[in-house]
Amino acid sequence: MSLSLILYPNGEAERTYLYGYEELQKAVGGLIECVPSDDRVTIWCNEEGKLNGLPFNPYATAQWEEFDKYKCIAAGDVLVGTIVIQGPTNEEGEATDCPSWLFYEYNFELTGD
């Protein structure tokens, strides 16, 4: 279970807990792929999103700029469809909770889980 930030192409954002691989797949609408980023977060997208013509997600792409240490955006890459951001992976390879400072950027209250 990981506290996750879900970013939709229409600009809406959701703060929710995702329980395992199946819920992560459901959130992005298909097979999952990890987006290249630094070690502060794990960003998940639909592996076939571009092939399937999912809509450009300008909000997630803008957020990705914060973590794009491999310069993928500069090379012309973008994010499409619904995107999930979680924390970095732990020793078991599982994603941890999304960093709290990201929720503040989207004006989410962090009390009352």
PDB file of N, CA and C in Angstrom:
ATOM      1  N   MET A   1       0.844  -1.174   0.000  1.00  0.00           N
ATOM      2  CA  MET A   1       0.000   0.000   0.000  1.00  0.00           C
ATOM      3  C   MET A   1       0.889   1.235   0.000  1.00  0.00           C
ATOM      4  N   SER A   2       0.639   2.134  -0.928  1.00  0.00           N
ATOM      5  CA  SER A   2       1.410   3.367  -1.006  1.00  0.00           C
ATOM      6  C   SER A   2       0.484   4.552  -1.212  1.00  0.00           C
ATOM      7  N   LEU A   3       0.730   5.597  -0.444  1.00  0.00           N
ATOM      8  CA  LEU A   3       0.022   6.845  -0.671  1.00  0.00           C
ATOM      9  C   LEU A   3       0.517   7.407  -1.993  1.00  0.00           C
ATOM     10  N   SER A   4      -0.417   7.683  -2.889  1.00  0.00           N
ATOM     11  CA  SER A   4      -0.071   8.031  -4.266  1.00  0.00           C
ATOM     12  C   SER A   4      -0.722   9.332  -4.690  1.00  0.00           C
ATOM     13  N   LEU A   5      -0.053  10.029  -5.589  1.00  0.00           N
ATOM     14  CA  LEU A   5      -0.592  11.216  -6.240  1.00  0.00           C
ATOM     15  C   LEU A   5      -0.916  10.814  -7.671  1.00  0.00           C
ATOM     16  N   ILE A   6      -2.183  10.931  -8.051  1.00  0.00           N
ATOM     17  CA  ILE A   6      -2.617  10.600  -9.408  1.00  0.00           C
ATOM     18  C   ILE A   6      -2.871  11.903 -10.145  1.00  0.00           C
ATOM     19  N   LEU A   7      -2.229  12.053 -11.303  1.00  0.00           N
ATOM     20  CA  LEU A   7      -2.373  13.259 -12.126  1.00  0.00           C
ATOM     21  C   LEU A   7      -3.080  12.904 -13.429  1.00  0.00           C
ATOM     22  N   TYR A   8      -4.228  13.519 -13.650  1.00  0.00           N
ATOM     23  CA  TYR A   8      -5.038  13.260 -14.836  1.00  0.00           C
ATOM     24  C   TYR A   8      -4.724  14.279 -15.928  1.00  0.00           C
ATOM     25  N   PRO A   9      -4.900  13.912 -17.194  1.00  0.00           N
ATOM     26  CA  PRO A   9      -4.615  14.834 -18.300  1.00  0.00           C
ATOM     27  C   PRO A   9      -5.437  16.125 -18.270  1.00  0.00           C
ATOM     28  N   ASN A  10      -6.595  16.103 -17.629  1.00  0.00           N
ATOM     29  CA  ASN A  10      -7.455  17.295 -17.586  1.00  0.00           C
ATOM     30  C   ASN A  10      -7.061  18.266 -16.479  1.00  0.00           C
ATOM     31  N   GLY A  11      -5.993  17.975 -15.750  1.00  0.00           N
ATOM     32  CA  GLY A  11      -5.521  18.867 -14.704  1.00  0.00           C
ATOM     33  C   GLY A  11      -5.978  18.499 -13.311  1.00  0.00           C
ATOM     34  N   GLU A  12      -6.892  17.553 -13.205  1.00  0.00           N
ATOM     35  CA  GLU A  12      -7.323  17.108 -11.881  1.00  0.00           C
ATOM     36  C   GLU A  12      -6.245  16.230 -11.255  1.00  0.00           C
ATOM     37  N   ALA A  13      -6.217  16.232  -9.934  1.00  0.00           N
ATOM     38  CA  ALA A  13      -5.271  15.413  -9.192  1.00  0.00           C
ATOM     39  C   ALA A  13      -6.015  14.714  -8.066  1.00  0.00           C
ATOM     40  N   GLU A  14      -5.539  13.553  -7.703  1.00  0.00           N
ATOM     41  CA  GLU A  14      -6.170  12.763  -6.653  1.00  0.00           C
ATOM     42  C   GLU A  14      -5.108  12.226  -5.705  1.00  0.00           C
ATOM     43  N   ARG A  15      -5.407  12.251  -4.441  1.00  0.00           N
ATOM     44  CA  ARG A  15      -4.546  11.683  -3.407  1.00  0.00           C
ATOM     45  C   ARG A  15      -5.238  10.425  -2.910  1.00  0.00           C
ATOM     46  N   THR A  16      -4.589   9.266  -3.062  1.00  0.00           N
ATOM     47  CA  THR A  16      -5.235   8.018  -2.686  1.00  0.00           C
ATOM     48  C   THR A  16      -4.195   6.960  -2.340  1.00  0.00           C
ATOM     49  N   TYR A  17      -4.643   5.926  -1.671  1.00  0.00           N
ATOM     50  CA  TYR A  17      -3.788   4.771  -1.415  1.00  0.00           C
ATOM     51  C   TYR A  17      -4.017   3.743  -2.510  1.00  0.00           C
ATOM     52  N   LEU A  18      -2.943   3.198  -3.043  1.00  0.00           N
ATOM     53  CA  LEU A  18      -3.036   2.113  -4.022  1.00  0.00           C
ATOM     54  C   LEU A  18      -2.453   0.862  -3.387  1.00  0.00           C
ATOM     55  N   TYR A  19      -3.178  -0.224  -3.525  1.00  0.00           N
ATOM     56  CA  TYR A  19      -2.810  -1.493  -2.916  1.00  0.00           C
ATOM     57  C   TYR A  19      -2.348  -2.473  -3.980  1.00  0.00           C
ATOM     58  N   GLY A  20      -1.092  -2.451  -4.307  1.00  0.00           N
ATOM     59  CA  GLY A  20      -0.518  -3.450  -5.188  1.00  0.00           C
ATOM     60  C   GLY A  20      -0.570  -3.137  -6.672  1.00  0.00           C
ATOM     61  N   TYR A  21      -0.012  -4.077  -7.412  1.00  0.00           N
ATOM     62  CA  TYR A  21       0.180  -3.977  -8.857  1.00  0.00           C
ATOM     63  C   TYR A  21      -1.131  -3.776  -9.614  1.00  0.00           C
ATOM     64  N   GLU A  22      -2.169  -4.537  -9.241  1.00  0.00           N
ATOM     65  CA  GLU A  22      -3.427  -4.460  -9.976  1.00  0.00           C
ATOM     66  C   GLU A  22      -4.065  -3.079  -9.869  1.00  0.00           C
ATOM     67  N   GLU A  23      -4.013  -2.483  -8.683  1.00  0.00           N
ATOM     68  CA  GLU A  23      -4.582  -1.145  -8.529  1.00  0.00           C
ATOM     69  C   GLU A  23      -3.761  -0.100  -9.274  1.00  0.00           C
ATOM     70  N   LEU A  24      -2.462  -0.297  -9.331  1.00  0.00           N
ATOM     71  CA  LEU A  24      -1.611   0.609 -10.101  1.00  0.00           C
ATOM     72  C   LEU A  24      -1.955   0.515 -11.583  1.00  0.00           C
ATOM     73  N   GLN A  25      -2.143  -0.705 -12.085  1.00  0.00           N
ATOM     74  CA  GLN A  25      -2.558  -0.895 -13.480  1.00  0.00           C
ATOM     75  C   GLN A  25      -3.903  -0.227 -13.751  1.00  0.00           C
ATOM     76  N   LYS A  26      -4.828  -0.402 -12.836  1.00  0.00           N
ATOM     77  CA  LYS A  26      -6.157   0.197 -13.006  1.00  0.00           C
ATOM     78  C   LYS A  26      -6.056   1.718 -13.048  1.00  0.00           C
ATOM     79  N   ALA A  27      -5.207   2.282 -12.213  1.00  0.00           N
ATOM     80  CA  ALA A  27      -5.059   3.748 -12.156  1.00  0.00           C
ATOM     81  C   ALA A  27      -4.552   4.318 -13.472  1.00  0.00           C
ATOM     82  N   VAL A  28      -3.576   3.654 -14.107  1.00  0.00           N
ATOM     83  CA  VAL A  28      -3.024   4.179 -15.365  1.00  0.00           C
ATOM     84  C   VAL A  28      -3.750   3.629 -16.595  1.00  0.00           C
ATOM     85  N   GLY A  29      -4.648   2.688 -16.394  1.00  0.00           N
ATOM     86  CA  GLY A  29      -5.459   2.170 -17.488  1.00  0.00           C
ATOM     87  C   GLY A  29      -4.767   1.153 -18.365  1.00  0.00           C
ATOM     88  N   GLY A  30      -3.862   0.366 -17.807  1.00  0.00           N
ATOM     89  CA  GLY A  30      -3.185  -0.675 -18.587  1.00  0.00           C
ATOM     90  C   GLY A  30      -1.888  -1.108 -17.940  1.00  0.00           C
ATOM     91  N   LEU A  31      -1.035  -1.702 -18.754  1.00  0.00           N
ATOM     92  CA  LEU A  31       0.265  -2.145 -18.261  1.00  0.00           C
ATOM     93  C   LEU A  31       1.065  -0.955 -17.752  1.00  0.00           C
ATOM     94  N   ILE A  32       1.832  -1.166 -16.687  1.00  0.00           N
ATOM     95  CA  ILE A  32       2.573  -0.050 -16.099  1.00  0.00           C
ATOM     96  C   ILE A  32       4.023  -0.044 -16.549  1.00  0.00           C
ATOM     97  N   GLU A  33       4.564   1.154 -16.597  1.00  0.00           N
ATOM     98  CA  GLU A  33       5.973   1.364 -16.907  1.00  0.00           C
ATOM     99  C   GLU A  33       6.480   2.462 -15.989  1.00  0.00           C
ATOM    100  N   CYS A  34       7.683   2.283 -15.476  1.00  0.00           N
ATOM    101  CA  CYS A  34       8.308   3.282 -14.627  1.00  0.00           C
ATOM    102  C   CYS A  34       8.987   4.330 -15.508  1.00  0.00           C
ATOM    103  N   VAL A  35       8.725   5.590 -15.230  1.00  0.00           N
ATOM    104  CA  VAL A  35       9.292   6.710 -15.980  1.00  0.00           C
ATOM    105  C   VAL A  35      10.695   7.002 -15.436  1.00  0.00           C
ATOM    106  N   PRO A  36      11.687   7.224 -16.297  1.00  0.00           N
ATOM    107  CA  PRO A  36      13.030   7.547 -15.806  1.00  0.00           C
ATOM    108  C   PRO A  36      13.015   8.839 -14.980  1.00  0.00           C
ATOM    109  N   SER A  37      13.507   8.741 -13.758  1.00  0.00           N
ATOM    110  CA  SER A  37      13.536   9.905 -12.872  1.00  0.00           C
ATOM    111  C   SER A  37      14.664   9.744 -11.859  1.00  0.00           C
ATOM    112  N   ASP A  38      14.774  10.707 -10.975  1.00  0.00           N
ATOM    113  CA  ASP A  38      15.794  10.586  -9.939  1.00  0.00           C
ATOM    114  C   ASP A  38      15.270   9.709  -8.797  1.00  0.00           C
ATOM    115  N   ASP A  39      16.023   9.657  -7.700  1.00  0.00           N
ATOM    116  CA  ASP A  39      15.679   8.726  -6.630  1.00  0.00           C
ATOM    117  C   ASP A  39      14.716   9.283  -5.581  1.00  0.00           C
ATOM    118  N   ARG A  40      14.062  10.421  -5.862  1.00  0.00           N
ATOM    119  CA  ARG A  40      13.113  10.990  -4.903  1.00  0.00           C
ATOM    120  C   ARG A  40      11.697  10.457  -5.063  1.00  0.00           C
ATOM    121  N   VAL A  41      11.376   9.955  -6.257  1.00  0.00           N
ATOM    122  CA  VAL A  41      10.022   9.473  -6.529  1.00  0.00           C
ATOM    123  C   VAL A  41      10.072   8.279  -7.488  1.00  0.00           C
ATOM    124  N   THR A  42       8.923   7.613  -7.578  1.00  0.00           N
ATOM    125  CA  THR A  42       8.684   6.614  -8.618  1.00  0.00           C
ATOM    126  C   THR A  42       7.475   7.110  -9.398  1.00  0.00           C
ATOM    127  N   ILE A  43       7.640   7.267 -10.710  1.00  0.00           N
ATOM    128  CA  ILE A  43       6.560   7.767 -11.564  1.00  0.00           C
ATOM    129  C   ILE A  43       6.122   6.624 -12.479  1.00  0.00           C
ATOM    130  N   TRP A  44       4.811   6.354 -12.483  1.00  0.00           N
ATOM    131  CA  TRP A  44       4.250   5.269 -13.279  1.00  0.00           C
ATOM    132  C   TRP A  44       3.356   5.820 -14.382  1.00  0.00           C
ATOM    133  N   CYS A  45       3.458   5.200 -15.560  1.00  0.00           N
ATOM    134  CA  CYS A  45       2.586   5.563 -16.669  1.00  0.00           C
ATOM    135  C   CYS A  45       2.071   4.290 -17.328  1.00  0.00           C
ATOM    136  N   ASN A  46       1.165   4.466 -18.280  1.00  0.00           N
ATOM    137  CA  ASN A  46       0.671   3.358 -19.084  1.00  0.00           C
ATOM    138  C   ASN A  46       1.743   3.034 -20.122  1.00  0.00           C
ATOM    139  N   GLU A  47       2.231   1.804 -20.094  1.00  0.00           N
ATOM    140  CA  GLU A  47       3.325   1.382 -20.981  1.00  0.00           C
ATOM    141  C   GLU A  47       3.009   1.586 -22.458  1.00  0.00           C
ATOM    142  N   GLU A  48       1.734   1.454 -22.824  1.00  0.00           N
ATOM    143  CA  GLU A  48       1.330   1.575 -24.227  1.00  0.00           C
ATOM    144  C   GLU A  48       0.538   2.856 -24.496  1.00  0.00           C
ATOM    145  N   GLY A  49       0.675   3.830 -23.585  1.00  0.00           N
ATOM    146  CA  GLY A  49      -0.126   5.052 -23.683  1.00  0.00           C
ATOM    147  C   GLY A  49       0.049   5.801 -24.985  1.00  0.00           C
ATOM    148  N   LYS A  50       1.270   5.954 -25.444  1.00  0.00           N
ATOM    149  CA  LYS A  50       1.507   6.685 -26.702  1.00  0.00           C
ATOM    150  C   LYS A  50       1.021   5.875 -27.893  1.00  0.00           C
ATOM    151  N   LEU A  51       1.255   4.579 -27.870  1.00  0.00           N
ATOM    152  CA  LEU A  51       0.776   3.709 -28.962  1.00  0.00           C
ATOM    153  C   LEU A  51      -0.741   3.722 -29.066  1.00  0.00           C
ATOM    154  N   ASN A  52      -1.405   3.827 -27.912  1.00  0.00           N
ATOM    155  CA  ASN A  52      -2.866   3.807 -27.883  1.00  0.00           C
ATOM    156  C   ASN A  52      -3.485   5.195 -28.000  1.00  0.00           C
ATOM    157  N   GLY A  53      -2.670   6.220 -28.207  1.00  0.00           N
ATOM    158  CA  GLY A  53      -3.187   7.562 -28.426  1.00  0.00           C
ATOM    159  C   GLY A  53      -3.784   8.232 -27.196  1.00  0.00           C
ATOM    160  N   LEU A  54      -3.280   7.898 -26.005  1.00  0.00           N
ATOM    161  CA  LEU A  54      -3.794   8.563 -24.808  1.00  0.00           C
ATOM    162  C   LEU A  54      -3.439  10.048 -24.870  1.00  0.00           C
ATOM    163  N   PRO A  55      -4.259  10.898 -24.245  1.00  0.00           N
ATOM    164  CA  PRO A  55      -4.042  12.340 -24.342  1.00  0.00           C
ATOM    165  C   PRO A  55      -2.780  12.801 -23.610  1.00  0.00           C
ATOM    166  N   PHE A  56      -2.136  13.808 -24.171  1.00  0.00           N
ATOM    167  CA  PHE A  56      -0.975  14.448 -23.559  1.00  0.00           C
ATOM    168  C   PHE A  56      -1.354  14.912 -22.157  1.00  0.00           C
ATOM    169  N   ASN A  57      -0.462  14.693 -21.197  1.00  0.00           N
ATOM    170  CA  ASN A  57      -0.691  15.123 -19.825  1.00  0.00           C
ATOM    171  C   ASN A  57       0.309  16.235 -19.497  1.00  0.00           C
ATOM    172  N   PRO A  58      -0.073  17.504 -19.771  1.00  0.00           N
ATOM    173  CA  PRO A  58       0.868  18.605 -19.553  1.00  0.00           C
ATOM    174  C   PRO A  58       1.207  18.800 -18.075  1.00  0.00           C
ATOM    175  N   TYR A  59       0.293  18.467 -17.187  1.00  0.00           N
ATOM    176  CA  TYR A  59       0.501  18.651 -15.753  1.00  0.00           C
ATOM    177  C   TYR A  59       1.537  17.667 -15.229  1.00  0.00           C
ATOM    178  N   ALA A  60       1.417  16.408 -15.631  1.00  0.00           N
ATOM    179  CA  ALA A  60       2.388  15.402 -15.207  1.00  0.00           C
ATOM    180  C   ALA A  60       3.740  15.636 -15.871  1.00  0.00           C
ATOM    181  N   THR A  61       3.736  16.049 -17.130  1.00  0.00           N
ATOM    182  CA  THR A  61       4.996  16.332 -17.818  1.00  0.00           C
ATOM    183  C   THR A  61       5.723  17.485 -17.124  1.00  0.00           C
ATOM    184  N   ALA A  62       4.980  18.520 -16.734  1.00  0.00           N
ATOM    185  CA  ALA A  62       5.589  19.646 -16.015  1.00  0.00           C
ATOM    186  C   ALA A  62       6.153  19.184 -14.673  1.00  0.00           C
ATOM    187  N   GLN A  63       5.432  18.305 -13.984  1.00  0.00           N
ATOM    188  CA  GLN A  63       5.922  17.786 -12.708  1.00  0.00           C
ATOM    189  C   GLN A  63       7.164  16.921 -12.919  1.00  0.00           C
ATOM    190  N   TRP A  64       7.171  16.167 -14.008  1.00  0.00           N
ATOM    191  CA  TRP A  64       8.305  15.286 -14.324  1.00  0.00           C
ATOM    192  C   TRP A  64       9.602  16.083 -14.467  1.00  0.00           C
ATOM    193  N   GLU A  65       9.485  17.327 -14.943  1.00  0.00           N
ATOM    194  CA  GLU A  65      10.681  18.163 -15.109  1.00  0.00           C
ATOM    195  C   GLU A  65      11.495  18.250 -13.814  1.00  0.00           C
ATOM    196  N   GLU A  66      10.811  18.201 -12.689  1.00  0.00           N
ATOM    197  CA  GLU A  66      11.476  18.254 -11.383  1.00  0.00           C
ATOM    198  C   GLU A  66      12.407  17.050 -11.169  1.00  0.00           C
ATOM    199  N   PHE A  67      12.079  15.917 -11.769  1.00  0.00           N
ATOM    200  CA  PHE A  67      12.772  14.658 -11.495  1.00  0.00           C
ATOM    201  C   PHE A  67      13.504  14.063 -12.694  1.00  0.00           C
ATOM    202  N   ASP A  68      13.493  14.738 -13.830  1.00  0.00           N
ATOM    203  CA  ASP A  68      14.000  14.203 -15.094  1.00  0.00           C
ATOM    204  C   ASP A  68      15.531  14.308 -15.193  1.00  0.00           C
ATOM    205  N   LYS A  69      16.238  13.511 -14.407  1.00  0.00           N
ATOM    206  CA  LYS A  69      17.702  13.607 -14.393  1.00  0.00           C
ATOM    207  C   LYS A  69      18.344  13.073 -15.672  1.00  0.00           C
ATOM    208  N   TYR A  70      17.607  12.303 -16.465  1.00  0.00           N
ATOM    209  CA  TYR A  70      18.152  11.744 -17.703  1.00  0.00           C
ATOM    210  C   TYR A  70      17.860  12.620 -18.923  1.00  0.00           C
ATOM    211  N   LYS A  71      17.229  13.766 -18.720  1.00  0.00           N
ATOM    212  CA  LYS A  71      16.946  14.749 -19.788  1.00  0.00           C
ATOM    213  C   LYS A  71      16.047  14.190 -20.893  1.00  0.00           C
ATOM    214  N   CYS A  72      15.090  13.366 -20.494  1.00  0.00           N
ATOM    215  CA  CYS A  72      14.147  12.788 -21.460  1.00  0.00           C
ATOM    216  C   CYS A  72      13.261  13.859 -22.085  1.00  0.00           C
ATOM    217  N   ILE A  73      12.826  14.822 -21.266  1.00  0.00           N
ATOM    218  CA  ILE A  73      11.956  15.885 -21.771  1.00  0.00           C
ATOM    219  C   ILE A  73      12.707  16.725 -22.797  1.00  0.00           C
ATOM    220  N   ALA A  74      13.969  17.036 -22.522  1.00  0.00           N
ATOM    221  CA  ALA A  74      14.784  17.812 -23.462  1.00  0.00           C
ATOM    222  C   ALA A  74      14.940  17.080 -24.792  1.00  0.00           C
ATOM    223  N   ALA A  75      14.870  15.751 -24.743  1.00  0.00           N
ATOM    224  CA  ALA A  75      14.978  14.946 -25.960  1.00  0.00           C
ATOM    225  C   ALA A  75      13.636  14.799 -26.670  1.00  0.00           C
ATOM    226  N   GLY A  76      12.588  15.445 -26.137  1.00  0.00           N
ATOM    227  CA  GLY A  76      11.289  15.428 -26.803  1.00  0.00           C
ATOM    228  C   GLY A  76      10.253  14.504 -26.212  1.00  0.00           C
ATOM    229  N   ASP A  77      10.542  13.865 -25.084  1.00  0.00           N
ATOM    230  CA  ASP A  77       9.583  12.947 -24.489  1.00  0.00           C
ATOM    231  C   ASP A  77       8.540  13.712 -23.677  1.00  0.00           C
ATOM    232  N   VAL A  78       7.344  13.151 -23.580  1.00  0.00           N
ATOM    233  CA  VAL A  78       6.247  13.708 -22.793  1.00  0.00           C
ATOM    234  C   VAL A  78       5.511  12.559 -22.109  1.00  0.00           C
ATOM    235  N   LEU A  79       4.662  12.904 -21.158  1.00  0.00           N
ATOM    236  CA  LEU A  79       3.816  11.907 -20.509  1.00  0.00           C
ATOM    237  C   LEU A  79       2.402  12.022 -21.054  1.00  0.00           C
ATOM    238  N   VAL A  80       1.763  10.871 -21.218  1.00  0.00           N
ATOM    239  CA  VAL A  80       0.392  10.829 -21.711  1.00  0.00           C
ATOM    240  C   VAL A  80      -0.459  10.007 -20.755  1.00  0.00           C
ATOM    241  N   GLY A  81      -1.758  10.276 -20.784  1.00  0.00           N
ATOM    242  CA  GLY A  81      -2.678   9.517 -19.954  1.00  0.00           C
ATOM    243  C   GLY A  81      -2.548   9.872 -18.482  1.00  0.00           C
ATOM    244  N   THR A  82      -3.120   9.021 -17.654  1.00  0.00           N
ATOM    245  CA  THR A  82      -3.084   9.201 -16.211  1.00  0.00           C
ATOM    246  C   THR A  82      -1.743   8.741 -15.675  1.00  0.00           C
ATOM    247  N   ILE A  83      -1.169   9.534 -14.787  1.00  0.00           N
ATOM    248  CA  ILE A  83       0.153   9.274 -14.231  1.00  0.00           C
ATOM    249  C   ILE A  83       0.041   9.125 -12.719  1.00  0.00           C
ATOM    250  N   VAL A  84       0.793   8.179 -12.155  1.00  0.00           N
ATOM    251  CA  VAL A  84       0.821   7.967 -10.709  1.00  0.00           C
ATOM    252  C   VAL A  84       2.227   8.269 -10.201  1.00  0.00           C
ATOM    253  N   ILE A  85       2.303   9.068  -9.144  1.00  0.00           N
ATOM    254  CA  ILE A  85       3.587   9.349  -8.506  1.00  0.00           C
ATOM    255  C   ILE A  85       3.558   8.774  -7.097  1.00  0.00           C
ATOM    256  N   GLN A  86       4.570   7.972  -6.790  1.00  0.00           N
ATOM    257  CA  GLN A  86       4.748   7.406  -5.461  1.00  0.00           C
ATOM    258  C   GLN A  86       6.155   7.756  -4.995  1.00  0.00           C
ATOM    259  N   GLY A  87       6.473   7.341  -3.796  1.00  0.00           N
ATOM    260  CA  GLY A  87       7.805   7.590  -3.274  1.00  0.00           C
ATOM    261  C   GLY A  87       8.830   6.658  -3.887  1.00  0.00           C
ATOM    262  N   PRO A  88      10.099   6.816  -3.488  1.00  0.00           N
ATOM    263  CA  PRO A  88      11.155   5.938  -4.008  1.00  0.00           C
ATOM    264  C   PRO A  88      10.942   4.508  -3.530  1.00  0.00           C
ATOM    265  N   THR A  89      11.569   3.584  -4.195  1.00  0.00           N
ATOM    266  CA  THR A  89      11.441   2.185  -3.787  1.00  0.00           C
ATOM    267  C   THR A  89      12.253   1.917  -2.521  1.00  0.00           C
ATOM    268  N   ASN A  90      11.764   0.960  -1.733  1.00  0.00           N
ATOM    269  CA  ASN A  90      12.461   0.566  -0.512  1.00  0.00           C
ATOM    270  C   ASN A  90      13.375  -0.625  -0.788  1.00  0.00           C
ATOM    271  N   GLU A  91      13.908  -1.222   0.255  1.00  0.00           N
ATOM    272  CA  GLU A  91      14.845  -2.343   0.104  1.00  0.00           C
ATOM    273  C   GLU A  91      14.219  -3.558  -0.583  1.00  0.00           C
ATOM    274  N   GLU A  92      12.899  -3.710  -0.465  1.00  0.00           N
ATOM    275  CA  GLU A  92      12.193  -4.831  -1.103  1.00  0.00           C
ATOM    276  C   GLU A  92      11.765  -4.510  -2.535  1.00  0.00           C
ATOM    277  N   GLY A  93      12.069  -3.309  -3.007  1.00  0.00           N
ATOM    278  CA  GLY A  93      11.688  -2.922  -4.358  1.00  0.00           C
ATOM    279  C   GLY A  93      10.274  -2.396  -4.482  1.00  0.00           C
ATOM    280  N   GLU A  94       9.617  -2.169  -3.346  1.00  0.00           N
ATOM    281  CA  GLU A  94       8.255  -1.641  -3.344  1.00  0.00           C
ATOM    282  C   GLU A  94       8.295  -0.118  -3.220  1.00  0.00           C
ATOM    283  N   ALA A  95       7.407   0.552  -3.927  1.00  0.00           N
ATOM    284  CA  ALA A  95       7.334   2.013  -3.831  1.00  0.00           C
ATOM    285  C   ALA A  95       6.821   2.415  -2.455  1.00  0.00           C
ATOM    286  N   THR A  96       7.346   3.496  -1.948  1.00  0.00           N
ATOM    287  CA  THR A  96       6.918   4.042  -0.660  1.00  0.00           C
ATOM    288  C   THR A  96       5.900   5.153  -0.912  1.00  0.00           C
ATOM    289  N   ASP A  97       5.459   5.799   0.158  1.00  0.00           N
ATOM    290  CA  ASP A  97       4.482   6.885   0.022  1.00  0.00           C
ATOM    291  C   ASP A  97       5.061   8.061  -0.749  1.00  0.00           C
ATOM    292  N   CYS A  98       4.216   8.693  -1.530  1.00  0.00           N
ATOM    293  CA  CYS A  98       4.588   9.895  -2.272  1.00  0.00           C
ATOM    294  C   CYS A  98       5.067  10.954  -1.275  1.00  0.00           C
ATOM    295  N   PRO A  99       6.130  11.675  -1.590  1.00  0.00           N
ATOM    296  CA  PRO A  99       6.623  12.713  -0.671  1.00  0.00           C
ATOM    297  C   PRO A  99       5.546  13.754  -0.355  1.00  0.00           C
ATOM    298  N   SER A 100       5.443  14.120   0.905  1.00  0.00           N
ATOM    299  CA  SER A 100       4.377  15.040   1.341  1.00  0.00           C
ATOM    300  C   SER A 100       4.450  16.398   0.641  1.00  0.00           C
ATOM    301  N   TRP A 101       5.632  16.879   0.304  1.00  0.00           N
ATOM    302  CA  TRP A 101       5.734  18.195  -0.324  1.00  0.00           C
ATOM    303  C   TRP A 101       5.032  18.248  -1.677  1.00  0.00           C
ATOM    304  N   LEU A 102       4.919  17.111  -2.363  1.00  0.00           N
ATOM    305  CA  LEU A 102       4.188  17.108  -3.636  1.00  0.00           C
ATOM    306  C   LEU A 102       2.698  17.351  -3.407  1.00  0.00           C
ATOM    307  N   PHE A 103       2.160  16.819  -2.330  1.00  0.00           N
ATOM    308  CA  PHE A 103       0.741  17.047  -2.039  1.00  0.00           C
ATOM    309  C   PHE A 103       0.472  18.516  -1.739  1.00  0.00           C
ATOM    310  N   TYR A 104       1.413  19.179  -1.098  1.00  0.00           N
ATOM    311  CA  TYR A 104       1.236  20.608  -0.823  1.00  0.00           C
ATOM    312  C   TYR A 104       1.171  21.405  -2.118  1.00  0.00           C
ATOM    313  N   GLU A 105       1.930  20.998  -3.130  1.00  0.00           N
ATOM    314  CA  GLU A 105       1.870  21.689  -4.427  1.00  0.00           C
ATOM    315  C   GLU A 105       0.487  21.611  -5.039  1.00  0.00           C
ATOM    316  N   TYR A 106      -0.249  20.529  -4.739  1.00  0.00           N
ATOM    317  CA  TYR A 106      -1.591  20.344  -5.289  1.00  0.00           C
ATOM    318  C   TYR A 106      -2.678  20.666  -4.269  1.00  0.00           C
ATOM    319  N   ASN A 107      -2.293  21.337  -3.158  1.00  0.00           N
ATOM    320  CA  ASN A 107      -3.231  21.807  -2.141  1.00  0.00           C
ATOM    321  C   ASN A 107      -4.039  20.703  -1.481  1.00  0.00           C
ATOM    322  N   PHE A 108      -3.430  19.556  -1.231  1.00  0.00           N
ATOM    323  CA  PHE A 108      -4.099  18.499  -0.506  1.00  0.00           C
ATOM    324  C   PHE A 108      -3.822  18.630   0.975  1.00  0.00           C
ATOM    325  N   GLU A 109      -4.848  18.441   1.794  1.00  0.00           N
ATOM    326  CA  GLU A 109      -4.658  18.361   3.241  1.00  0.00           C
ATOM    327  C   GLU A 109      -4.039  17.013   3.561  1.00  0.00           C
ATOM    328  N   LEU A 110      -3.074  16.983   4.445  1.00  0.00           N
ATOM    329  CA  LEU A 110      -2.412  15.730   4.785  1.00  0.00           C
ATOM    330  C   LEU A 110      -2.855  15.180   6.119  1.00  0.00           C
ATOM    331  N   THR A 111      -3.860  15.750   6.725  1.00  0.00           N
ATOM    332  CA  THR A 111      -4.365  15.245   7.997  1.00  0.00           C
ATOM    333  C   THR A 111      -5.574  14.358   7.736  1.00  0.00           C
ATOM    334  N   GLY A 112      -5.877  13.522   8.709  1.00  0.00           N
ATOM    335  CA  GLY A 112      -7.097  12.714   8.632  1.00  0.00           C
ATOM    336  C   GLY A 112      -7.036  11.546   7.686  1.00  0.00           C
ATOM    337  N   ASP A 113      -5.867  10.915   7.556  1.00  0.00           N
ATOM    338  CA  ASP A 113      -5.777   9.726   6.691  1.00  0.00           C
ATOM    339  C   ASP A 113      -6.710   8.688   7.190  1.00  0.00           C
TER     340      ASP A 113
END
